[in-house]
Amino acid sequence: MSRKRRSADLSISLVRRPHDLVTLGAKRAAAAQAIALKARLRGADAFYVWLASARDVTLCTLDREMAARASSFCNVAAP
C-alpha cells in the first residue's frame, strides 16, 4: 500500500563521491524483508533502513512515517 504523495519540494538529493554500490542478494533481501514486516515498511524503505543499520550510519529522511517506523532499527534524523 502506498502513502499519499507529498509535494515535490520535499525531495532532497544529496550526492557524495565516490559512490558506494550496494548489491541486493538473497541474504540482504531477507534481512530487508524482515525489517519490512516488523516495521510495516515498503520494500525500498526497508532496504534503506537495513542499509543504515548494517553500515551503522544515520538514516536521513523527511518522511515522518518512515522515520517513526525505522527508529527502532537505526538512528534517524531530518536533513
N, C-alpha and C. Protein backbone atom coordinates (compact mmCIF):
# COMPACT_ATOMS: atom_id res chain seq x y z
N MET A 1 0.84 -1.17 0.00
CA MET A 1 0.00 0.00 0.00
C MET A 1 0.89 1.24 0.00
N SER A 2 0.62 2.15 -0.88
CA SER A 2 1.44 3.37 -0.93
C SER A 2 0.79 4.46 -0.10
N ARG A 3 1.62 5.38 0.31
CA ARG A 3 1.14 6.50 1.11
C ARG A 3 0.78 7.66 0.20
N LYS A 4 0.10 8.63 0.76
CA LYS A 4 -0.26 9.82 -0.01
C LYS A 4 1.01 10.50 -0.46
N ARG A 5 1.00 11.00 -1.67
CA ARG A 5 2.18 11.70 -2.20
C ARG A 5 2.28 13.07 -1.59
N ARG A 6 3.50 13.46 -1.35
CA ARG A 6 3.75 14.80 -0.83
C ARG A 6 4.32 15.64 -1.96
N SER A 7 4.36 16.92 -1.75
CA SER A 7 4.83 17.82 -2.81
C SER A 7 6.29 17.54 -3.14
N ALA A 8 6.64 17.82 -4.37
CA ALA A 8 7.99 17.55 -4.87
C ALA A 8 9.05 18.36 -4.15
N ASP A 9 8.68 19.48 -3.55
CA ASP A 9 9.69 20.29 -2.89
C ASP A 9 10.25 19.63 -1.63
N LEU A 10 9.66 18.53 -1.18
CA LEU A 10 10.18 17.81 -0.03
C LEU A 10 11.30 16.85 -0.42
N SER A 11 11.48 16.65 -1.71
CA SER A 11 12.53 15.74 -2.16
C SER A 11 13.88 16.44 -2.13
N ILE A 12 14.83 15.78 -1.49
CA ILE A 12 16.18 16.32 -1.42
C ILE A 12 17.14 15.26 -1.93
N SER A 13 18.04 15.66 -2.77
CA SER A 13 19.03 14.73 -3.28
C SER A 13 20.41 15.17 -2.81
N LEU A 14 21.07 14.30 -2.09
CA LEU A 14 22.42 14.58 -1.63
C LEU A 14 23.35 13.59 -2.31
N VAL A 15 24.36 14.12 -2.96
CA VAL A 15 25.28 13.26 -3.70
C VAL A 15 26.69 13.45 -3.13
N ARG A 16 27.31 12.35 -2.82
CA ARG A 16 28.68 12.38 -2.33
C ARG A 16 29.49 11.39 -3.13
N ARG A 17 30.64 11.80 -3.58
CA ARG A 17 31.50 10.91 -4.34
C ARG A 17 32.67 10.49 -3.47
N PRO A 18 33.22 9.32 -3.59
CA PRO A 18 32.78 8.28 -4.51
C PRO A 18 31.52 7.59 -4.01
N HIS A 19 30.76 7.08 -4.93
CA HIS A 19 29.52 6.39 -4.62
C HIS A 19 29.82 4.96 -4.21
N ASP A 20 29.01 4.43 -3.33
CA ASP A 20 29.08 3.02 -2.98
C ASP A 20 27.96 2.30 -3.71
N LEU A 21 28.31 1.21 -4.35
CA LEU A 21 27.31 0.37 -4.99
C LEU A 21 27.01 -0.78 -4.04
N VAL A 22 25.76 -0.90 -3.65
CA VAL A 22 25.35 -1.95 -2.73
C VAL A 22 24.45 -2.91 -3.49
N THR A 23 24.88 -4.15 -3.58
CA THR A 23 24.08 -5.16 -4.27
C THR A 23 23.10 -5.79 -3.30
N LEU A 24 22.01 -6.28 -3.83
CA LEU A 24 20.96 -6.89 -3.02
C LEU A 24 20.87 -8.36 -3.37
N GLY A 25 21.50 -9.19 -2.55
CA GLY A 25 21.45 -10.63 -2.73
C GLY A 25 20.38 -11.24 -1.84
N ALA A 26 20.34 -12.55 -1.80
CA ALA A 26 19.31 -13.26 -1.05
C ALA A 26 19.36 -12.96 0.45
N LYS A 27 20.54 -12.93 1.05
CA LYS A 27 20.64 -12.67 2.49
C LYS A 27 20.21 -11.25 2.83
N ARG A 28 20.65 -10.30 2.04
CA ARG A 28 20.28 -8.90 2.29
C ARG A 28 18.79 -8.69 2.04
N ALA A 29 18.27 -9.32 1.01
CA ALA A 29 16.83 -9.21 0.73
C ALA A 29 16.01 -9.77 1.88
N ALA A 30 16.46 -10.88 2.44
CA ALA A 30 15.75 -11.49 3.57
C ALA A 30 15.81 -10.57 4.79
N ALA A 31 16.95 -9.95 5.02
CA ALA A 31 17.08 -9.03 6.15
C ALA A 31 16.18 -7.81 5.97
N ALA A 32 16.16 -7.27 4.77
CA ALA A 32 15.29 -6.12 4.48
C ALA A 32 13.82 -6.52 4.58
N GLN A 33 13.50 -7.73 4.14
CA GLN A 33 12.12 -8.21 4.23
C GLN A 33 11.69 -8.34 5.69
N ALA A 34 12.57 -8.82 6.54
CA ALA A 34 12.25 -8.94 7.96
C ALA A 34 11.96 -7.56 8.56
N ILE A 35 12.75 -6.57 8.18
CA ILE A 35 12.51 -5.21 8.66
C ILE A 35 11.19 -4.69 8.11
N ALA A 36 10.92 -4.95 6.84
CA ALA A 36 9.66 -4.50 6.22
C ALA A 36 8.45 -5.05 6.97
N LEU A 37 8.52 -6.32 7.34
CA LEU A 37 7.39 -6.93 8.04
C LEU A 37 7.26 -6.41 9.47
N LYS A 38 8.38 -6.29 10.17
CA LYS A 38 8.34 -5.82 11.57
C LYS A 38 7.93 -4.35 11.67
N ALA A 39 8.44 -3.53 10.76
CA ALA A 39 8.20 -2.09 10.83
C ALA A 39 7.06 -1.62 9.93
N ARG A 40 6.48 -2.54 9.18
CA ARG A 40 5.42 -2.21 8.22
C ARG A 40 5.89 -1.14 7.23
N LEU A 41 7.06 -1.41 6.62
CA LEU A 41 7.63 -0.51 5.62
C LEU A 41 7.53 -1.13 4.24
N ARG A 42 7.52 -0.29 3.23
CA ARG A 42 7.58 -0.77 1.86
C ARG A 42 8.98 -1.27 1.57
N GLY A 43 9.13 -2.06 0.50
CA GLY A 43 10.40 -2.71 0.18
C GLY A 43 11.59 -1.79 0.11
N ALA A 44 11.52 -0.73 -0.68
CA ALA A 44 12.67 0.16 -0.83
C ALA A 44 12.99 0.86 0.48
N ASP A 45 11.98 1.30 1.21
CA ASP A 45 12.20 1.94 2.50
C ASP A 45 12.88 0.97 3.47
N ALA A 46 12.44 -0.27 3.48
CA ALA A 46 13.04 -1.28 4.35
C ALA A 46 14.49 -1.52 3.99
N PHE A 47 14.82 -1.48 2.71
CA PHE A 47 16.21 -1.66 2.32
C PHE A 47 17.07 -0.50 2.82
N TYR A 48 16.56 0.73 2.72
CA TYR A 48 17.30 1.89 3.23
C TYR A 48 17.54 1.76 4.74
N VAL A 49 16.51 1.30 5.46
CA VAL A 49 16.64 1.12 6.90
C VAL A 49 17.66 0.03 7.20
N TRP A 50 17.58 -1.08 6.47
CA TRP A 50 18.55 -2.16 6.66
C TRP A 50 19.96 -1.65 6.39
N LEU A 51 20.15 -0.91 5.32
CA LEU A 51 21.47 -0.41 4.96
C LEU A 51 22.02 0.53 6.03
N ALA A 52 21.19 1.43 6.52
CA ALA A 52 21.63 2.34 7.58
C ALA A 52 22.02 1.55 8.82
N SER A 53 21.24 0.55 9.14
CA SER A 53 21.53 -0.29 10.30
C SER A 53 22.82 -1.09 10.10
N ALA A 54 22.96 -1.70 8.94
CA ALA A 54 24.13 -2.54 8.65
C ALA A 54 25.41 -1.73 8.61
N ARG A 55 25.34 -0.50 8.10
CA ARG A 55 26.53 0.36 8.00
C ARG A 55 26.73 1.22 9.24
N ASP A 56 25.80 1.13 10.19
CA ASP A 56 25.86 1.92 11.42
C ASP A 56 25.97 3.41 11.11
N VAL A 57 25.08 3.86 10.22
CA VAL A 57 25.00 5.28 9.87
C VAL A 57 23.59 5.77 10.16
N THR A 58 23.43 7.07 10.21
CA THR A 58 22.12 7.67 10.46
C THR A 58 21.33 7.75 9.16
N LEU A 59 20.09 7.33 9.22
CA LEU A 59 19.17 7.44 8.08
C LEU A 59 18.60 8.85 8.09
N CYS A 60 18.78 9.57 7.00
CA CYS A 60 18.32 10.95 6.88
C CYS A 60 17.10 10.97 5.97
N THR A 61 15.95 11.38 6.52
CA THR A 61 14.72 11.38 5.73
C THR A 61 13.78 12.48 6.17
N LEU A 62 13.00 12.99 5.23
CA LEU A 62 11.93 13.93 5.52
C LEU A 62 10.61 13.21 5.76
N ASP A 63 10.59 11.91 5.50
CA ASP A 63 9.37 11.11 5.62
C ASP A 63 9.14 10.78 7.10
N ARG A 64 8.20 11.45 7.73
CA ARG A 64 7.95 11.27 9.16
C ARG A 64 7.49 9.85 9.50
N GLU A 65 6.67 9.29 8.64
CA GLU A 65 6.18 7.93 8.88
C GLU A 65 7.33 6.93 8.84
N MET A 66 8.18 7.06 7.83
CA MET A 66 9.34 6.18 7.73
C MET A 66 10.26 6.37 8.92
N ALA A 67 10.49 7.61 9.32
CA ALA A 67 11.37 7.91 10.45
C ALA A 67 10.86 7.24 11.72
N ALA A 68 9.58 7.35 11.96
CA ALA A 68 8.99 6.75 13.16
C ALA A 68 9.12 5.24 13.15
N ARG A 69 8.86 4.64 12.00
CA ARG A 69 8.91 3.18 11.90
C ARG A 69 10.34 2.64 11.89
N ALA A 70 11.29 3.43 11.42
CA ALA A 70 12.68 2.99 11.31
C ALA A 70 13.47 3.19 12.59
N SER A 71 12.96 4.03 13.48
CA SER A 71 13.75 4.44 14.64
C SER A 71 14.14 3.30 15.58
N SER A 72 13.44 2.18 15.53
CA SER A 72 13.83 1.06 16.37
C SER A 72 14.92 0.20 15.73
N PHE A 73 15.28 0.50 14.49
CA PHE A 73 16.30 -0.29 13.78
C PHE A 73 17.59 0.48 13.56
N CYS A 74 17.49 1.82 13.47
CA CYS A 74 18.67 2.64 13.22
C CYS A 74 18.43 4.05 13.72
N ASN A 75 19.50 4.83 13.78
CA ASN A 75 19.35 6.24 14.12
C ASN A 75 18.72 6.95 12.93
N VAL A 76 17.81 7.88 13.21
CA VAL A 76 17.11 8.62 12.17
C VAL A 76 17.18 10.10 12.46
N ALA A 77 17.39 10.90 11.41
CA ALA A 77 17.45 12.35 11.54
C ALA A 77 16.82 13.01 10.33
N ALA A 78 16.30 14.18 10.53
CA ALA A 78 15.80 15.00 9.42
C ALA A 78 16.99 15.79 8.86
N PRO A 79 16.96 16.08 7.56
CA PRO A 79 18.05 16.87 6.98
C PRO A 79 18.08 18.29 7.52
